[in-house]
Protein backbone atom coordinates (compact mmCIF):
# COMPACT_ATOMS: atom_id res chain seq x y z
CA MET A 1 0.00 0.00 0.00
CA MET A 2 1.21 3.47 -0.84
CA LYS A 3 2.53 5.51 2.05
CA PRO A 4 0.09 8.39 2.71
CA ARG A 5 1.43 11.76 1.75
CA SER A 6 1.42 14.48 4.36
CA LEU A 7 -0.92 17.40 3.92
CA PRO A 8 0.69 20.54 2.54
CA PRO A 9 1.22 23.22 5.17
CA VAL A 10 -1.19 26.12 5.30
CA HIS A 11 0.73 29.36 5.52
CA SER A 12 -1.45 31.87 7.35
CA PRO A 13 -0.54 34.68 9.70
CA ALA A 14 -1.19 34.26 13.39
CA LEU A 15 -4.81 34.59 14.43
CA PRO A 16 -5.49 38.31 14.24
CA ARG A 17 -7.19 39.08 17.51
CA SER A 18 -7.83 38.14 21.09
CA ARG A 19 -11.33 38.42 22.47
CA HIS A 20 -10.78 37.97 26.19
CA ALA A 21 -13.40 39.47 28.46
CA GLY A 22 -12.74 43.13 29.10
CA ASP A 23 -10.24 43.37 26.25
CA VAL A 24 -10.22 46.70 24.44
CA HIS A 25 -10.49 44.78 21.17
CA GLU A 26 -14.02 43.65 21.92
CA SER A 27 -16.49 44.65 19.25
CA ASP A 28 -17.43 48.29 19.01
CA VAL A 29 -21.08 47.26 18.83
CA LEU A 30 -20.83 46.16 22.47
CA ALA A 31 -19.08 49.41 23.35
CA PHE A 32 -21.98 51.29 21.76
CA LEU A 33 -24.53 49.10 23.50
CA ALA A 34 -22.88 49.69 26.86
CA GLN A 35 -23.85 53.38 26.49
CA ALA A 36 -27.12 52.95 24.59
CA GLU A 37 -30.58 53.70 25.89
CA ARG A 38 -32.61 51.57 23.49
CA VAL A 39 -32.37 48.54 21.21
CA VAL A 40 -34.90 48.34 18.39
CA VAL A 41 -35.27 45.03 16.56
CA TRP A 42 -36.78 45.40 13.10
CA GLY A 43 -38.33 42.10 12.05
CA ILE A 44 -39.56 39.61 14.65
CA GLY A 45 -38.98 36.40 12.79
CA LEU A 46 -36.57 33.79 14.12
CA SER A 47 -33.49 36.04 14.15
CA GLY A 48 -35.38 38.96 15.69
CA ARG A 49 -36.66 36.78 18.51
CA ALA A 50 -33.14 35.46 18.95
CA VAL A 51 -31.84 39.00 19.48
CA LEU A 52 -34.53 39.86 22.03
CA GLY A 53 -34.07 36.62 23.94
CA ALA A 54 -30.28 36.77 24.02
CA LEU A 55 -30.17 40.38 25.16
CA GLY A 56 -32.46 39.45 28.05
CA GLY A 57 -30.25 36.55 29.12
CA PHE A 58 -32.53 33.83 27.82
CA PRO A 59 -32.18 31.13 25.12
CA ALA A 60 -31.34 32.73 21.83
CA ALA A 61 -34.65 32.08 20.10
CA LEU A 62 -37.77 33.00 22.02
CA PRO A 63 -39.72 29.72 21.86
CA MET A 64 -42.94 31.11 20.49
CA ARG A 65 -45.23 28.83 18.48
CA PRO A 66 -47.18 30.69 15.76
CA GLU A 67 -50.92 30.13 16.18
CA VAL A 68 -51.90 31.71 12.88
CA ALA A 69 -50.00 30.52 9.82
CA LEU A 70 -48.62 33.13 7.46
CA PRO A 71 -50.56 33.34 4.19
CA GLU A 72 -49.05 31.30 1.40
CA HIS A 73 -48.39 34.41 -0.67
CA ALA A 74 -46.47 36.18 2.11
CA ALA A 75 -43.38 37.71 0.52
CA VAL A 76 -40.95 36.85 3.30
CA ASN A 77 -37.69 34.97 3.44
CA ARG A 78 -37.00 31.83 5.44
CA ASP A 79 -35.89 33.83 8.48
CA ASN A 80 -39.20 35.65 8.77
CA ALA A 81 -41.45 32.71 7.95
CA LEU A 82 -41.68 31.89 11.66
CA GLY A 83 -43.73 34.89 12.77
CA VAL A 84 -44.63 35.23 16.44
CA ARG A 85 -47.89 36.63 17.72
CA VAL A 86 -47.72 40.18 19.06
CA PRO A 87 -50.83 42.03 20.22
CA LYS A 88 -51.98 44.87 18.00
CA SER A 89 -50.38 48.02 19.30
CA ARG A 90 -52.46 50.89 20.55
CA PRO A 91 -51.44 54.41 19.54
CA GLY A 92 -48.16 55.17 21.23
CA GLY A 93 -47.12 51.53 21.28
CA SER A 94 -47.53 48.94 24.00
CA SER A 95 -45.43 46.75 26.23
CA VAL A 96 -45.43 43.03 25.57
CA ARG A 97 -44.20 40.50 28.12
CA LEU A 98 -42.80 37.42 26.49
CA HIS A 99 -42.63 34.15 28.39
CA VAL A 100 -39.18 32.60 28.05
CA PRO A 101 -37.57 29.78 30.03
CA THR A 102 -34.52 30.45 32.14
CA ALA A 103 -31.19 29.94 30.39
CA VAL A 104 -27.84 28.77 31.64
CA VAL A 105 -25.39 31.55 30.84
CA ALA A 106 -21.63 31.09 30.71
CA PRO A 107 -19.86 32.39 33.84
CA GLY A 108 -18.24 35.80 33.78
CA PRO A 109 -14.51 36.50 33.48
CA SER A 110 -12.36 35.03 36.22
CA ASP A 111 -9.93 37.97 36.38
CA GLY A 112 -12.48 40.23 38.08
CA LYS A 113 -12.82 42.61 35.17
CA VAL A 114 -16.31 43.56 34.10
CA SER A 115 -16.42 42.97 30.35
CA LEU A 116 -18.48 45.03 27.97
CA PHE A 117 -20.64 41.94 27.54
CA GLU A 118 -21.45 41.73 31.24
CA ARG A 119 -21.94 45.49 31.47
CA VAL A 120 -24.52 45.35 28.69
CA ARG A 121 -26.32 42.50 30.42
CA ALA A 122 -26.34 44.39 33.71
CA ARG A 123 -27.76 47.55 32.10
CA ILE A 124 -30.56 45.59 30.40
CA ASN A 125 -31.41 43.76 33.63
CA ALA A 126 -31.53 47.10 35.46
CA GLY A 127 -33.95 48.49 32.87
CA LEU A 128 -31.44 51.05 31.60
CA ILE A 129 -31.75 49.80 28.02
CA GLU A 130 -35.24 49.65 26.56
CA LEU A 131 -36.03 46.79 24.17
CA ALA A 132 -38.45 47.51 21.34
CA ALA A 133 -39.62 45.60 18.28
CA PHE A 134 -41.21 46.42 14.94
CA ASP A 135 -42.48 44.35 12.03
CA SER A 136 -44.19 45.77 8.96
CA ARG A 137 -46.26 42.63 8.36
CA ALA A 138 -49.69 43.01 9.93
CA GLU A 139 -50.23 39.26 9.98
CA VAL A 140 -47.20 38.87 12.22
CA LEU A 141 -47.93 41.80 14.51
CA ALA A 142 -51.50 40.58 14.93
CA SER A 143 -50.66 36.97 15.63
CA PHE A 144 -48.83 36.74 18.95
CA VAL A 145 -50.50 35.56 22.14
CA PRO A 146 -48.18 35.67 25.19
CA SER A 147 -47.67 32.41 27.01
CA ASP A 148 -48.52 32.06 30.70
CA THR A 149 -45.95 34.29 32.41
CA ARG A 150 -46.60 32.78 35.85
CA SER A 151 -44.70 29.57 35.21
CA GLU A 152 -42.24 28.81 37.99
CA SER A 153 -39.62 27.82 35.43
CA GLY A 154 -40.04 31.00 33.41
CA SER A 155 -39.18 34.65 33.54
CA GLN A 156 -40.39 37.83 31.86
CA LEU A 157 -38.85 40.05 29.23
CA ALA A 158 -40.47 43.44 28.60
CA VAL A 159 -40.50 44.50 24.95
CA ARG A 160 -42.16 47.64 23.61
CA SER A 161 -43.97 47.02 20.34
CA LEU A 162 -43.89 49.82 17.76
CA ALA A 163 -47.16 50.23 15.90
CA SER A 164 -45.97 51.79 12.65
CA GLU A 165 -42.89 52.69 10.65
CA ARG A 166 -43.40 56.28 11.82
CA GLU A 167 -43.15 55.11 15.44
CA LEU A 168 -40.09 53.11 14.51
CA LEU A 169 -38.29 56.11 13.03
CA ASP A 170 -39.32 58.26 16.01
CA ALA A 171 -37.65 55.73 18.31
CA LEU A 172 -34.30 56.07 16.54
CA ASN A 173 -31.64 58.46 17.80
CA ALA A 174 -27.93 58.55 18.57
CA LYS A 175 -28.51 56.36 21.66
CA THR A 176 -30.35 53.64 19.74
CA LEU A 177 -29.00 50.37 18.38
CA LEU A 178 -31.14 49.29 15.40
CA VAL A 179 -30.81 45.55 14.77
CA VAL A 180 -32.13 44.72 11.31
CA SER A 181 -33.35 41.16 10.71
CA PRO A 182 -32.15 39.46 7.51
CA GLY A 183 -35.59 39.58 5.90
CA VAL A 184 -35.77 43.38 6.11
CA SER A 185 -34.55 45.65 3.32
CA LEU A 186 -33.80 49.25 4.26
CA THR A 187 -33.70 50.51 0.69
CA HIS A 188 -36.77 52.71 1.00
CA CYS A 189 -35.82 54.32 4.33
CA MET A 190 -32.03 54.08 4.61
CA ARG A 191 -31.65 57.85 4.38
CA ALA A 192 -34.03 58.39 7.30
CA VAL A 193 -32.35 55.66 9.36
CA MET A 194 -28.90 57.13 8.80
CA ALA A 195 -30.10 60.68 9.52
CA SER A 196 -31.43 59.51 12.90
CA GLY A 197 -27.91 58.82 14.17
CA ALA A 198 -28.86 55.30 15.26
CA ARG A 199 -26.15 52.61 15.16
CA LEU A 200 -27.10 49.96 12.57
CA SER A 201 -26.34 46.33 13.38
CA THR A 202 -27.42 42.76 12.61
CA ASP A 203 -27.88 39.54 14.50
CA LEU A 204 -24.68 38.35 12.82
CA GLU A 205 -22.54 41.19 14.14
CA LEU A 206 -24.18 41.27 17.56
CA GLY A 207 -23.96 37.53 18.05
CA LEU A 208 -20.26 37.34 17.15
CA ALA A 209 -19.48 40.30 19.42
CA ALA A 210 -19.99 38.08 22.48
CA PHE A 211 -17.70 35.30 21.21
CA PHE A 212 -13.98 35.34 22.03
CA GLY A 213 -12.92 32.31 19.95
CA ARG A 214 -12.18 31.87 16.27
CA VAL A 215 -14.77 32.54 13.56
CA ALA A 216 -15.20 30.96 10.13
CA LEU A 217 -17.72 32.65 7.84
CA VAL A 218 -19.10 30.52 5.01
CA THR A 219 -21.07 32.12 2.20
CA GLY A 220 -21.87 31.49 -1.44
CA THR A 221 -24.86 31.08 -3.72
CA ASN A 222 -24.85 27.30 -3.33
CA GLY A 223 -22.96 24.81 -1.17
CA LYS A 224 -22.58 26.98 1.93
CA SER A 225 -24.76 24.79 4.17
CA THR A 226 -22.83 21.65 3.25
CA VAL A 227 -19.47 23.34 3.88
CA THR A 228 -20.70 24.78 7.20
CA ALA A 229 -22.04 21.44 8.45
CA LEU A 230 -18.98 19.49 7.30
CA LEU A 231 -16.52 21.96 8.81
CA GLY A 232 -18.50 21.87 12.06
CA ALA A 233 -18.31 18.06 12.10
CA ILE A 234 -14.55 18.18 11.56
CA VAL A 235 -13.99 20.73 14.34
CA LYS A 236 -16.07 18.66 16.76
CA ALA A 237 -14.14 15.52 15.79
CA GLY A 238 -10.98 17.36 16.82
CA ALA A 239 -12.35 17.75 20.38
CA THR A 240 -12.50 21.52 19.88
CA PRO A 241 -15.50 23.41 21.29
CA ALA A 242 -17.62 24.24 18.26
CA PHE A 243 -20.67 26.33 17.51
CA VAL A 244 -22.36 25.70 14.15
CA GLY A 245 -25.17 27.99 13.06
CA GLY A 246 -26.11 31.28 11.46
CA ASN A 247 -28.28 30.86 8.40
CA LEU A 248 -28.06 27.09 8.99
CA GLY A 249 -30.63 26.71 11.74
CA ILE A 250 -29.25 27.96 15.07
CA PRO A 251 -29.22 31.78 15.18
CA THR A 252 -25.84 33.43 15.68
CA MET A 253 -27.26 35.14 18.79
CA ALA A 254 -27.12 31.73 20.52
CA LEU A 255 -23.43 32.53 21.02
CA TRP A 256 -24.51 34.82 23.87
CA SER A 257 -25.36 31.71 25.92
CA PHE A 258 -22.79 29.34 24.37
CA ALA A 259 -20.94 27.60 27.20
CA HIS A 260 -17.55 28.09 25.54
CA ARG A 261 -18.02 31.64 24.28
CA GLU A 262 -14.97 32.94 26.24
CA ASP A 263 -12.65 30.11 25.14
CA PRO A 264 -10.16 31.53 22.59
CA ALA A 265 -9.63 28.01 21.21
CA ALA A 266 -13.32 27.54 20.41
CA VAL A 267 -14.53 27.79 16.82
CA ALA A 268 -17.78 29.29 15.53
CA VAL A 269 -18.67 28.08 12.04
CA ILE A 270 -21.25 30.51 10.69
CA GLU A 271 -23.22 30.21 7.48
CA ALA A 272 -23.88 33.75 6.28
CA SER A 273 -26.45 34.64 3.64
CA SER A 274 -26.33 37.76 1.51
CA TYR A 275 -29.25 39.09 3.54
CA GLN A 276 -27.25 38.73 6.74
CA LEU A 277 -24.10 40.24 5.25
CA GLU A 278 -25.74 43.23 3.55
CA TYR A 279 -25.78 45.38 6.70
CA ALA A 280 -22.83 43.79 8.51
CA PRO A 281 -19.66 45.57 7.33
CA ALA A 282 -18.19 45.58 10.85
CA VAL A 283 -18.13 41.77 11.22
CA ARG A 284 -14.67 40.24 11.69
CA ALA A 285 -13.57 36.66 11.02
CA ASP A 286 -10.52 34.42 11.14
CA ALA A 287 -11.44 32.34 8.08
CA ALA A 288 -13.86 32.87 5.22
CA VAL A 289 -15.15 30.69 2.38
CA LEU A 290 -16.90 31.64 -0.85
CA THR A 291 -18.39 28.41 -2.18
CA SER A 292 -19.94 29.69 -5.43
CA PHE A 293 -21.38 32.77 -7.08
CA SER A 294 -24.23 33.09 -9.57
CA GLU A 295 -27.46 35.06 -9.97
CA ASP A 296 -29.74 34.88 -6.93
CA HIS A 297 -31.90 37.13 -4.74
CA LEU A 298 -32.03 39.84 -7.40
CA ALA A 299 -35.46 40.85 -6.13
CA ARG A 300 -33.66 41.97 -2.97
CA HIS A 301 -30.27 43.14 -4.27
CA HIS A 302 -31.56 44.37 -7.68
CA THR A 303 -28.34 43.66 -9.59
CA LEU A 304 -25.72 40.94 -9.69
CA SER A 305 -23.11 43.45 -8.53
CA GLY A 306 -25.28 44.39 -5.55
CA TYR A 307 -25.61 40.72 -4.64
CA GLY A 308 -21.86 40.28 -5.07
CA ARG A 309 -21.10 43.23 -2.78
CA ALA A 310 -23.12 41.60 -0.02
CA LYS A 311 -21.33 38.26 -0.44
CA LEU A 312 -17.96 39.99 -0.48
CA GLN A 313 -18.49 41.23 3.09
CA ALA A 314 -17.60 37.75 4.36
CA LEU A 315 -14.14 37.94 2.79
CA LEU A 316 -13.65 41.57 3.79
CA ALA A 317 -14.21 40.45 7.38
CA LEU A 318 -10.73 38.89 7.24
CA PRO A 319 -7.61 40.84 8.24
CA SER A 320 -5.74 41.89 5.12
CA GLY A 321 -3.04 39.19 5.35
CA VAL A 322 -5.29 36.16 5.92
CA GLU A 323 -6.20 34.01 2.95
CA ALA A 324 -9.77 33.51 1.82
CA VAL A 325 -10.89 30.12 0.51
CA VAL A 326 -12.84 30.03 -2.74
CA SER A 327 -14.11 27.21 -4.92
CA GLY A 328 -11.66 26.65 -7.75
CA ALA A 329 -14.46 25.10 -9.80
CA ASP A 330 -16.37 28.40 -10.06
CA PRO A 331 -14.64 31.10 -12.14
CA ALA A 332 -17.28 33.68 -11.17
CA ALA A 333 -16.61 33.03 -7.47
CA VAL A 334 -12.86 33.35 -7.99
CA ALA A 335 -13.30 36.65 -9.84
CA LEU A 336 -15.48 38.03 -7.04
CA ALA A 337 -13.07 36.84 -4.35
CA ARG A 338 -10.17 38.65 -6.03
CA ALA A 339 -12.02 41.92 -5.45
CA SER A 340 -11.58 41.41 -1.69
CA GLY A 341 -7.84 42.07 -1.94
CA ARG A 342 -7.18 39.06 0.31
CA PRO A 343 -4.77 36.26 -0.60
CA LEU A 344 -6.77 33.43 -2.15
CA HIS A 345 -6.66 29.68 -1.92
CA THR A 346 -8.65 28.10 -4.74
CA ALA A 347 -9.94 24.84 -3.30
CA SER A 348 -9.83 21.77 -5.50
CA GLY A 349 -9.65 18.00 -5.28
CA ARG A 350 -5.95 18.34 -4.50
CA ASP A 351 -6.91 19.46 -1.00
CA LEU A 352 -8.35 15.97 -0.45
CA ASP A 353 -5.70 13.85 -2.16
CA ALA A 354 -3.47 13.30 0.86
CA LEU A 355 -6.48 12.57 3.08
CA GLU A 356 -7.90 10.00 0.69
CA THR A 357 -4.72 8.01 -0.01
CA GLY A 358 -5.46 4.54 1.30
CA HIS A 359 -8.94 5.56 2.45
CA GLY A 360 -10.97 5.72 -0.77
CA CYS A 361 -12.76 8.69 -2.29
CA PHE A 362 -14.70 10.73 0.26
CA PHE A 363 -16.92 12.79 -2.06
CA VAL A 364 -17.88 13.02 -5.71
CA GLY A 365 -19.28 15.76 -7.93
CA HIS A 366 -19.73 19.30 -6.64
CA ASP A 367 -19.61 18.09 -3.03
CA ARG A 368 -15.96 17.23 -3.60
CA ILE A 369 -15.15 20.93 -3.98
CA ASN A 370 -17.32 21.73 -0.95
CA ALA A 371 -15.33 19.22 1.08
CA ALA A 372 -12.07 20.73 -0.16
CA CYS A 373 -13.17 24.14 1.11
CA ALA A 374 -14.00 22.72 4.54
CA VAL A 375 -10.71 20.82 4.76
CA ARG A 376 -8.66 23.90 3.90
CA VAL A 377 -10.25 25.91 6.72
CA ALA A 378 -9.82 22.97 9.11
CA ARG A 379 -6.10 22.92 8.32
CA HIS A 380 -5.97 26.70 8.82
CA PHE A 381 -7.37 26.14 12.33
CA GLY A 382 -4.77 23.47 13.05
CA LEU A 383 -7.03 20.40 12.95
CA SER A 384 -5.17 17.12 12.54
CA VAL A 385 -5.48 14.69 9.65
CA GLU A 386 -7.12 12.21 12.02
CA ALA A 387 -9.72 14.76 13.14
CA ILE A 388 -10.48 15.70 9.54
CA ARG A 389 -10.98 12.07 8.53
CA ALA A 390 -13.12 11.40 11.60
CA GLY A 391 -15.26 14.47 10.91
CA ILE A 392 -15.79 13.42 7.30
CA ALA A 393 -16.72 9.91 8.40
CA ALA A 394 -19.27 11.29 10.88
CA PHE A 395 -20.80 13.73 8.41
CA ARG A 396 -24.23 12.98 7.01
CA PRO A 397 -25.60 14.80 3.94
CA LEU A 398 -28.12 17.50 4.75
CA PRO A 399 -31.77 16.77 3.88
CA HIS A 400 -33.47 18.08 0.73
CA ARG A 401 -30.18 18.10 -1.16
CA LEU A 402 -30.11 15.47 -3.93
CA ALA A 403 -31.79 13.07 -1.48
CA THR A 404 -33.05 9.81 -2.98
CA VAL A 405 -36.65 9.30 -1.87
CA GLY A 406 -37.26 5.84 -3.27
CA GLU A 407 -37.80 3.75 -6.41
CA ALA A 408 -40.61 1.63 -7.87
CA ALA A 409 -41.70 0.65 -11.38
CA SER A 410 -38.20 1.67 -12.54
CA VAL A 411 -38.90 5.28 -11.49
CA ARG A 412 -36.55 6.94 -9.00
CA PHE A 413 -37.47 10.12 -7.08
CA ILE A 414 -34.79 12.62 -6.03
CA ASN A 415 -35.50 15.62 -3.78
CA ASP A 416 -33.33 18.70 -4.29
CA SER A 417 -35.76 21.26 -2.90
CA LYS A 418 -32.75 23.27 -1.69
CA ALA A 419 -32.09 24.13 -5.35
CA THR A 420 -33.74 27.51 -4.86
CA ASN A 421 -31.86 29.25 -7.69
CA VAL A 422 -30.89 28.54 -11.25
CA GLY A 423 -27.28 27.65 -10.47
CA ALA A 424 -28.27 25.02 -7.91
CA ALA A 425 -30.90 23.52 -10.23
CA VAL A 426 -28.39 23.25 -13.07
CA ALA A 427 -25.90 21.50 -10.75
CA ALA A 428 -28.62 19.05 -9.66
CA ILE A 429 -29.65 18.27 -13.25
CA GLN A 430 -26.03 17.66 -14.23
CA ALA A 431 -25.48 15.46 -11.16
CA VAL A 432 -28.31 13.05 -12.01
CA ALA A 433 -27.94 13.16 -15.80
CA GLY A 434 -27.38 9.76 -17.37
CA ARG A 435 -29.64 7.86 -14.95
CA GLY A 436 -32.29 7.12 -17.56
CA ALA A 437 -34.99 9.48 -18.80
CA LEU A 438 -35.12 12.61 -16.65
CA THR A 439 -38.25 14.57 -15.71
CA VAL A 440 -37.58 17.77 -13.75
CA LEU A 441 -40.05 19.61 -11.50
CA VAL A 442 -39.34 23.33 -11.73
CA GLY A 443 -41.01 26.47 -10.41
CA GLY A 444 -42.06 28.40 -7.33
CA SER A 445 -41.56 31.99 -6.30
CA GLU A 446 -39.52 34.09 -8.72
CA LYS A 447 -36.20 35.50 -7.52
CA GLY A 448 -35.28 37.51 -10.60
CA GLY A 449 -32.49 36.75 -13.04
CA SER A 450 -32.15 34.76 -16.23
CA TYR A 451 -33.39 31.22 -16.82
CA ALA A 452 -31.05 30.75 -19.78
CA PRO A 453 -28.58 28.40 -17.98
CA LEU A 454 -31.52 26.31 -16.74
CA ILE A 455 -33.04 26.06 -20.22
CA ALA A 456 -29.67 24.93 -21.58
CA ALA A 457 -29.38 22.20 -18.93
CA LEU A 458 -32.95 21.01 -19.56
CA ARG A 459 -32.30 20.89 -23.31
CA ALA A 460 -29.16 18.82 -22.78
CA HIS A 461 -30.42 16.37 -20.15
CA ALA A 462 -34.21 16.36 -19.54
CA GLN A 463 -36.92 14.39 -21.29
CA ARG A 464 -39.50 16.91 -20.09
CA THR A 465 -40.18 19.59 -17.47
CA VAL A 466 -43.18 19.91 -15.15
CA LEU A 467 -43.93 23.48 -14.06
CA VAL A 468 -45.56 24.70 -10.83
CA GLY A 469 -45.98 27.95 -8.94
CA ASN A 470 -45.87 31.64 -9.70
CA ALA A 471 -42.84 31.30 -11.96
CA ALA A 472 -44.63 28.86 -14.32
CA PRO A 473 -45.79 31.43 -16.93
CA ARG A 474 -42.33 32.87 -17.45
CA LEU A 475 -40.73 29.42 -17.46
CA ALA A 476 -43.33 28.17 -19.93
CA ALA A 477 -42.55 31.05 -22.28
CA ALA A 478 -38.83 30.25 -22.13
CA LEU A 479 -39.42 26.53 -22.78
CA GLU A 480 -41.81 27.25 -25.66
CA ALA A 481 -39.29 29.61 -27.23
CA ASN A 482 -36.79 26.76 -27.23
CA ALA A 483 -39.29 24.11 -28.39
CA LEU A 484 -38.83 22.06 -25.22
CA PRO A 485 -41.66 19.81 -23.93
CA PHE A 486 -43.32 20.62 -20.62
CA LEU A 487 -46.42 20.07 -18.51
CA ARG A 488 -48.10 22.47 -16.09
CA ALA A 489 -49.63 21.46 -12.77
CA SER A 490 -51.77 23.32 -10.25
CA ASP A 491 -49.70 22.30 -7.21
CA LEU A 492 -46.64 20.29 -6.22
CA ALA A 493 -48.53 17.09 -5.30
CA THR A 494 -50.25 17.02 -8.69
CA ALA A 495 -46.97 17.83 -10.43
CA THR A 496 -45.25 14.94 -8.67
CA VAL A 497 -47.90 12.44 -9.77
CA GLU A 498 -47.96 13.71 -13.36
CA ALA A 499 -44.18 13.60 -13.52
CA ALA A 500 -44.14 10.06 -12.12
CA GLU A 501 -46.74 8.78 -14.59
CA ALA A 502 -44.83 10.27 -17.51
CA ALA A 503 -41.57 8.85 -16.17
CA ALA A 504 -43.14 5.39 -15.81
CA GLU A 505 -44.11 5.50 -19.48
CA ASP A 506 -40.51 6.41 -20.33
CA ALA A 507 -39.18 3.53 -18.20
CA SER A 508 -41.46 1.05 -19.98
CA LEU A 509 -39.65 1.65 -23.24
CA ALA A 510 -37.04 -0.98 -24.06
CA THR A 511 -34.58 1.70 -25.15
CA ILE A 512 -34.70 3.51 -21.78
CA SER A 513 -35.54 0.98 -18.98
CA SER A 514 -35.33 3.48 -16.09
CA ALA A 515 -36.36 7.04 -15.29
CA THR A 516 -35.80 9.73 -12.69
CA VAL A 517 -38.14 12.39 -11.29
CA LEU A 518 -36.06 15.26 -9.92
CA LEU A 519 -37.35 18.16 -7.84
CA ALA A 520 -34.99 21.04 -8.67
CA PRO A 521 -37.22 24.14 -8.49
CA ALA A 522 -34.71 26.91 -9.37
CA CYS A 523 -37.06 29.16 -7.37
CA ALA A 524 -37.90 30.05 -3.79
CA SER A 525 -40.75 28.25 -2.07
CA PHE A 526 -42.73 31.16 -0.67
CA ASP A 527 -45.58 31.13 -3.17
CA ALA A 528 -46.83 27.89 -1.60
CA PHE A 529 -44.57 26.95 1.34
CA ASN A 530 -42.91 28.81 4.20
CA THR A 531 -39.58 27.02 3.68
CA PHE A 532 -37.79 24.88 1.12
CA GLU A 533 -37.84 22.10 3.73
CA ALA A 534 -41.65 22.14 3.77
CA ARG A 535 -41.66 21.99 -0.03
CA GLY A 536 -39.25 19.07 -0.04
CA SER A 537 -41.31 17.20 2.54
CA ALA A 538 -44.47 17.72 0.45
CA PHE A 539 -42.67 16.32 -2.60
CA GLU A 540 -41.46 13.31 -0.63
CA ALA A 541 -44.97 12.65 0.73
CA ALA A 542 -46.45 12.68 -2.78
CA ALA A 543 -43.60 10.50 -4.06
CA HIS A 544 -44.04 7.95 -1.26
CA ALA A 545 -47.79 7.75 -1.95
CA TRP A 546 -47.08 7.00 -5.62
CA LEU A 547 -44.33 4.52 -4.74
CA ASP A 548 -46.52 2.67 -2.21
CA MET A 549 -49.34 2.34 -4.73
CA HIS A 550 -47.07 0.92 -7.43
CA ARG A 551 -45.28 -1.41 -5.02
CA SER A 552 -48.61 -2.85 -3.88
CA GLN A 553 -49.68 -3.33 -7.51
CA SER A 554 -46.55 -5.34 -8.20
CA LEU A 555 -47.25 -7.84 -5.39
């Protein structure tokens, strides 16, 4: 057997900062907050509740269960799909008491110094910093019913609700910290916000301000969740305290109650979306990854360059001498990363070669580049070869990402509901191409941008396309213009059945013998579902019903 090669050294400057409690290098957002009189949270979705809960010393996400579902047409992003119920405000606003269970908070600094973090906590507990919240969506503001605040295991957190955008702007001044949730765009009122003198912040910046360890920011149009989860698994395998979250489930504000938040050896692996990065120029990091870059979220950022500027904030969070990691398989990502002025490492399969010698191939396809990105950052943080291999072995693919649902009557179903943009859908189509006749389910809520790359992939690899959702008319026009066959369905369940029946006919042909039904929407889910996960689960349920029926018929 060949002797394993050693991994190439990663030449990076020493970690750029220390975040010990009381250190003068602690984030300036905490320094501002230590003198502030008010915190206003704009947007009370998951991240907004996380901010309010963490500031009050409770678990990062206020555990409120929505009692009234958001309407299917609600134009909100995944962060704000979890609206809480807040009583309708009377003129002048009102005070809402939220029931939240007691949290275990990490102990304070042992050297006797009072850190900015603890000073902020003390001022909030003493009522010296008012907490206020605003959300422009009436269905959210009208849908919160406080839990029983008399529970022995609970405590109360007073939050002033702001009844209108006018009240919101009136609450802003030079002593106000305005925390903008990812789902909120300030385009229409940025001038008024800036004129107020309020300090603008985000849950991303505020959450990281309380963490004294090392930070890895992972962003990109596609692949960022996989890289974040894999890097987190590797760090944990190396027996290093790890926090994994951000856009990937656990809000960054959970760092305020993270047991190892003062440990300089700890690592926070944070997935950062363009929405989170747009208003977070003050965020700092020790490692950053750009996994890919293509058109997405143009309804929010308006232009590709605007979207790129938001993504670039993750790389600009690095000190000037620290390398950024970028996917070598994506020329557009490499070009964007160069604009950061940071040294670049273009990740490729070579980053895995030494690890895989004598151990087989860990990943294939586009996930191989994702793994290479994670491994490079792991080496930057000093993780051993053994820890990296153990983390890879423990890693399990995330759901709704090229997940095989099942097979019957020579028809295979694959769920890639996470393909919420054209680039991801094209990658999914290319990944399953060659597995018999391919029928692709496409459509949902439009995000702006061109469908040309998708049409090219469908022409090259798909037998037909089944369209659903608000994007169907525009997609139908593009397919007709290219003389490509398609069907239209009223909803996802119907689309799944129609796609399966057509695929079964394909599979019955002697020249084909097998077929695949792929959900790769190339669109957001919000025209019919609150999250891409809900959409993927609905597809899987319809697929399982079809599979069960055909399996029983074959008995």
